[in-house]
Amino acid sequence: TNANQSSDLCRQGFGSPAIFNEFDRELHTFRGKVFVSEIGCGAFNDMDKTAAGFKGWENLLDAQIVINLRDGLYKGFHQRGLEKVFGSVQRLFEKSQEMQSRGISRQVEAILTNPQISGFIVTQLNDVGWELEAGILDLWRNPKPAYHALKRLNQPHCLVTAPQTYGVCPGGSTWIDLSLLNQVPLGGSEQIVIMIQTTAGDVISRQSVQPVYSAGLHRLNPIRFEVGERTGSYHVSARLMRGLVLLAETAETI
């Protein structure tokens, strides 16, 4: 926000000038850490399974909300010819949840690698009532893919990659930033193994680099990715290993 936006909000009756002036002052002078109180993105739950969970209790208000939403979704899906895009409503559910998983993971990765942020809350744990998109669990507490994706980011050690670009021309190159977050110190014998592979599994390159062993957020040397003349997708992975024990991992597709 800025002063002009605050003035606009005041004119619309959303708050007092004194409150917004104080907010603007703190926004521009605060030098401490920030707690992010709500992040996340939504996804369709499996509406068929959610509706089926109300068997025998279809008269409940929550059941009616779910059933009406489910029926309206099917109607709109077919009216718009979305079979050509997704094939089926079930596939739409799956693709939506895949996007939620990637979206929340990216948000959390950005927060974990920002030293000015002290903590965060993912909103929300589970779907409820008419809010049937935001949860990483559905209404009946069944995990969505985002639930499993967030496990990787909530470990004592976490690797985060950030490609400068996801598309490279044949013969070109790019860099992938690599960060290591240690909630606790490492033991001193660990290594990070970086591999670049084709989608067929052919290893293009493999290298081991030494991590920073102390606790905290550490920016490591970026991974240089050079593309040959072969077109297609490449799998770039980084794994924090203690001998044969996997402590953390991350991967990108270029």
Protein backbone atom coordinates (compact mmCIF):
# COMPACT_ATOMS: atom_id res chain seq x y z
CA THR A 1 0.00 0.00 0.00
CA ASN A 2 1.00 3.66 -0.14
CA ALA A 3 -0.33 7.02 1.01
CA ASN A 4 -2.53 7.45 -2.07
CA GLN A 5 -4.07 4.00 -1.59
CA SER A 6 -4.67 4.76 2.08
CA SER A 7 -6.44 8.00 1.16
CA ASP A 8 -8.63 6.14 -1.32
CA LEU A 9 -9.58 3.60 1.35
CA CYS A 10 -10.43 6.37 3.78
CA ARG A 11 -12.69 8.04 1.23
CA GLN A 12 -14.52 4.74 0.79
CA GLY A 13 -15.13 4.56 4.51
CA PHE A 14 -12.89 1.55 5.22
CA GLY A 15 -10.96 3.18 8.07
CA SER A 16 -9.88 6.38 9.77
CA PRO A 17 -7.09 8.62 8.39
CA ALA A 18 -5.26 8.40 11.73
CA ILE A 19 -5.03 4.61 11.55
CA PHE A 20 -3.86 4.58 7.93
CA ASN A 21 -1.33 7.37 8.55
CA GLU A 22 0.18 5.33 11.38
CA PHE A 23 0.20 2.22 9.20
CA ASP A 24 2.03 4.10 6.42
CA ARG A 25 4.55 5.49 8.91
CA GLU A 26 5.37 2.04 10.29
CA LEU A 27 5.46 0.52 6.80
CA HIS A 28 8.22 2.91 5.71
CA THR A 29 10.24 2.99 8.94
CA PHE A 30 10.01 -0.58 10.31
CA ARG A 31 13.32 -2.44 10.12
CA GLY A 32 12.47 -5.58 12.07
CA LYS A 33 11.17 -8.96 10.96
CA VAL A 34 7.67 -9.53 9.59
CA PHE A 35 5.25 -12.34 10.43
CA VAL A 36 3.15 -13.35 7.41
CA SER A 37 -0.24 -14.24 8.87
CA GLU A 38 -1.91 -15.79 5.83
CA ILE A 39 -0.64 -17.33 2.58
CA GLY A 40 -1.87 -20.08 0.31
CA CYS A 41 -3.87 -20.78 -2.80
CA GLY A 42 -6.94 -22.87 -3.45
CA ALA A 43 -7.86 -25.98 -5.38
CA PHE A 44 -10.92 -28.08 -6.06
CA ASN A 45 -11.31 -30.94 -3.66
CA ASP A 46 -12.77 -34.12 -5.15
CA MET A 47 -16.35 -32.88 -5.01
CA ASP A 48 -17.79 -36.34 -5.72
CA LYS A 49 -16.00 -37.89 -2.73
CA THR A 50 -16.81 -34.92 -0.52
CA ALA A 51 -20.51 -35.10 -1.36
CA ALA A 52 -20.53 -38.89 -0.86
CA GLY A 53 -19.26 -38.36 2.69
CA PHE A 54 -22.65 -36.90 3.65
CA LYS A 55 -24.49 -40.14 2.84
CA GLY A 56 -27.63 -40.20 4.98
CA TRP A 57 -27.12 -36.58 6.03
CA GLU A 58 -27.89 -34.81 2.76
CA ASN A 59 -30.36 -32.53 4.56
CA LEU A 60 -27.53 -30.69 6.36
CA LEU A 61 -26.74 -27.18 5.17
CA ASP A 62 -23.09 -28.06 4.52
CA ALA A 63 -24.20 -31.07 2.48
CA GLN A 64 -26.50 -28.91 0.36
CA ILE A 65 -23.71 -26.42 -0.28
CA VAL A 66 -21.34 -29.17 -1.45
CA ILE A 67 -23.96 -30.93 -3.60
CA ASN A 68 -25.09 -27.69 -5.26
CA LEU A 69 -21.51 -26.67 -5.98
CA ARG A 70 -20.72 -30.14 -7.36
CA ASP A 71 -23.78 -30.17 -9.62
CA GLY A 72 -23.14 -26.63 -10.84
CA LEU A 73 -19.53 -27.51 -11.60
CA TYR A 74 -20.51 -30.50 -13.74
CA LYS A 75 -23.08 -28.41 -15.61
CA GLY A 76 -20.64 -25.58 -16.30
CA PHE A 77 -17.87 -28.00 -17.25
CA HIS A 78 -19.97 -29.59 -20.00
CA GLN A 79 -21.55 -26.31 -21.15
CA ARG A 80 -18.10 -24.87 -21.80
CA GLY A 81 -16.74 -27.96 -23.52
CA LEU A 82 -13.95 -28.39 -21.01
CA GLU A 83 -13.75 -32.08 -21.89
CA LYS A 84 -11.49 -30.90 -24.73
CA VAL A 85 -9.08 -29.44 -22.17
CA PHE A 86 -9.21 -31.81 -19.19
CA GLY A 87 -10.96 -34.91 -20.49
CA SER A 88 -13.11 -35.27 -17.38
CA VAL A 89 -14.20 -33.42 -14.26
CA GLN A 90 -12.08 -35.83 -12.21
CA ARG A 91 -9.02 -34.78 -14.20
CA LEU A 92 -9.89 -31.13 -13.52
CA PHE A 93 -9.87 -31.92 -9.79
CA GLU A 94 -6.44 -33.54 -10.11
CA LYS A 95 -4.87 -30.74 -12.19
CA SER A 96 -6.28 -28.11 -9.86
CA GLN A 97 -4.73 -29.82 -6.84
CA GLU A 98 -1.39 -30.16 -8.63
CA MET A 99 -1.37 -26.40 -9.20
CA GLN A 100 -2.25 -25.75 -5.55
CA SER A 101 0.63 -27.96 -4.47
CA ARG A 102 3.11 -26.09 -6.66
CA GLY A 103 1.68 -22.69 -5.76
CA ILE A 104 1.81 -23.12 -1.99
CA SER A 105 5.26 -24.70 -2.22
CA ARG A 106 6.57 -21.67 -4.13
CA GLN A 107 5.05 -19.28 -1.62
CA VAL A 108 6.57 -21.11 1.34
CA GLU A 109 9.95 -21.37 -0.41
CA ALA A 110 9.95 -17.61 -1.00
CA ILE A 111 9.17 -17.00 2.67
CA LEU A 112 11.77 -19.47 3.96
CA THR A 113 14.49 -17.80 1.89
CA ASN A 114 13.54 -14.26 2.95
CA PRO A 115 15.58 -13.29 6.04
CA GLN A 116 13.16 -10.46 6.90
CA ILE A 117 10.31 -12.90 7.60
CA SER A 118 10.10 -14.50 11.04
CA GLY A 119 7.23 -16.94 10.45
CA PHE A 120 4.09 -17.72 8.46
CA ILE A 121 0.70 -19.40 8.48
CA VAL A 122 -0.63 -21.47 5.59
CA THR A 123 -4.35 -20.84 5.22
CA GLN A 124 -5.85 -23.21 5.71
CA LEU A 125 -5.45 -26.64 7.25
CA ASN A 126 -8.73 -28.11 6.03
CA ASP A 127 -11.75 -27.25 3.90
CA VAL A 128 -14.82 -26.24 5.87
CA GLY A 129 -18.38 -25.15 5.11
CA TRP A 130 -18.50 -23.14 1.90
CA GLU A 131 -14.70 -22.64 1.99
CA LEU A 132 -13.93 -25.78 0.01
CA GLU A 133 -10.80 -24.71 -1.86
CA ALA A 134 -8.19 -23.37 0.54
CA GLY A 135 -7.47 -26.45 2.66
CA ILE A 136 -4.50 -28.75 2.33
CA LEU A 137 -6.93 -31.35 3.72
CA ASP A 138 -10.44 -31.78 2.38
CA LEU A 139 -13.65 -31.51 4.40
CA TRP A 140 -13.19 -35.07 5.71
CA ARG A 141 -9.49 -34.49 6.55
CA ASN A 142 -8.16 -36.41 3.55
CA PRO A 143 -4.80 -34.96 2.41
CA LYS A 144 -4.50 -33.11 -0.88
CA PRO A 145 -1.15 -33.16 -2.75
CA ALA A 146 -0.24 -29.81 -1.13
CA TYR A 147 -0.23 -31.51 2.28
CA HIS A 148 2.48 -33.94 1.18
CA ALA A 149 4.43 -31.23 -0.68
CA LEU A 150 4.66 -29.07 2.44
CA LYS A 151 6.25 -31.92 4.40
CA ARG A 152 9.45 -31.38 2.41
CA LEU A 153 9.59 -27.75 3.50
CA ASN A 154 8.92 -28.36 7.19
CA GLN A 155 12.00 -30.42 8.02
CA PRO A 156 15.12 -29.62 10.08
CA HIS A 157 16.97 -29.07 6.78
CA CYS A 158 15.47 -27.69 3.57
CA LEU A 159 16.89 -27.09 0.10
CA VAL A 160 15.29 -24.47 -2.15
CA THR A 161 16.04 -23.87 -5.83
CA ALA A 162 14.99 -20.86 -7.89
CA PRO A 163 15.73 -20.95 -11.64
CA GLN A 164 16.41 -17.62 -13.31
CA THR A 165 14.34 -18.96 -16.21
CA TYR A 166 12.44 -22.15 -16.97
CA GLY A 167 13.13 -22.08 -20.68
CA VAL A 168 16.51 -22.08 -22.41
CA CYS A 169 17.30 -22.18 -26.13
CA PRO A 170 19.48 -25.05 -27.39
CA GLY A 171 23.13 -24.12 -26.92
CA GLY A 172 22.26 -21.60 -24.21
CA SER A 173 22.69 -21.60 -20.44
CA THR A 174 21.10 -20.31 -17.26
CA TRP A 175 21.61 -20.33 -13.49
CA ILE A 176 19.57 -21.92 -10.72
CA ASP A 177 19.90 -20.25 -7.31
CA LEU A 178 20.36 -22.72 -4.44
CA SER A 179 19.63 -22.05 -0.77
CA LEU A 180 19.98 -24.24 2.31
CA LEU A 181 17.93 -23.61 5.44
CA ASN A 182 19.20 -25.37 8.55
CA GLN A 183 16.83 -25.17 11.50
CA VAL A 184 19.56 -27.00 13.43
CA PRO A 185 23.27 -27.37 12.60
CA LEU A 186 24.48 -30.17 10.37
CA GLY A 187 26.93 -32.74 11.70
CA GLY A 188 29.86 -31.85 9.44
CA SER A 189 30.01 -34.84 7.09
CA GLU A 190 27.08 -34.02 4.78
CA GLN A 191 27.28 -33.30 1.07
CA ILE A 192 24.89 -31.85 -1.49
CA VAL A 193 24.64 -33.93 -4.66
CA ILE A 194 23.50 -32.03 -7.75
CA MET A 195 22.35 -33.96 -10.81
CA ILE A 196 21.10 -32.90 -14.23
CA GLN A 197 19.23 -35.59 -16.15
CA THR A 198 17.07 -35.94 -19.21
CA THR A 199 13.49 -37.06 -18.74
CA ALA A 200 14.65 -40.49 -19.96
CA GLY A 201 17.03 -40.68 -16.98
CA ASP A 202 20.31 -40.07 -18.81
CA VAL A 203 22.74 -38.25 -16.49
CA ILE A 204 24.10 -35.08 -18.10
CA SER A 205 26.17 -34.02 -15.09
CA ARG A 206 26.69 -34.89 -11.44
CA GLN A 207 28.64 -33.00 -8.79
CA SER A 208 28.99 -32.88 -5.02
CA VAL A 209 29.28 -29.59 -3.15
CA GLN A 210 29.92 -28.88 0.50
CA PRO A 211 27.02 -27.29 2.39
CA VAL A 212 27.24 -24.69 5.13
CA TYR A 213 26.96 -26.69 8.34
CA SER A 214 25.80 -24.01 10.79
CA ALA A 215 22.17 -23.23 11.58
CA GLY A 216 20.46 -20.51 9.57
CA LEU A 217 19.69 -19.54 5.98
CA HIS A 218 22.61 -19.96 3.58
CA ARG A 219 22.83 -18.84 -0.04
CA LEU A 220 24.98 -21.41 -1.81
CA ASN A 221 26.73 -21.11 -5.15
CA PRO A 222 24.14 -21.21 -7.94
CA ILE A 223 23.92 -24.22 -10.24
CA ARG A 224 25.03 -23.47 -13.80
CA PHE A 225 22.86 -25.22 -16.35
CA GLU A 226 24.23 -25.49 -19.88
CA VAL A 227 21.97 -26.82 -22.61
CA GLY A 228 23.35 -28.82 -25.50
CA GLU A 229 21.66 -29.11 -28.85
CA ARG A 230 19.17 -31.68 -27.56
CA THR A 231 15.69 -30.20 -27.12
CA GLY A 232 13.20 -31.31 -24.49
CA SER A 233 13.00 -31.19 -20.70
CA TYR A 234 15.81 -31.57 -18.18
CA HIS A 235 15.49 -32.59 -14.55
CA VAL A 236 17.75 -30.68 -12.13
CA SER A 237 17.87 -32.08 -8.59
CA ALA A 238 19.75 -31.25 -5.40
CA ARG A 239 19.92 -33.71 -2.50
CA LEU A 240 21.44 -33.18 0.94
CA MET A 241 23.00 -36.48 1.96
CA ARG A 242 24.60 -37.82 5.14
CA GLY A 243 26.22 -40.92 3.76
CA LEU A 244 23.30 -42.86 2.30
CA VAL A 245 20.71 -40.97 4.38
CA LEU A 246 18.64 -38.36 2.55
CA LEU A 247 18.11 -35.24 4.66
CA ALA A 248 16.55 -32.85 2.14
CA GLU A 249 15.89 -32.63 -1.58
CA THR A 250 14.45 -30.38 -4.25
CA ALA A 251 14.07 -30.51 -8.02
CA GLU A 252 13.24 -28.34 -11.03
CA THR A 253 12.32 -29.01 -14.64
CA ILE A 254 13.95 -26.81 -17.29
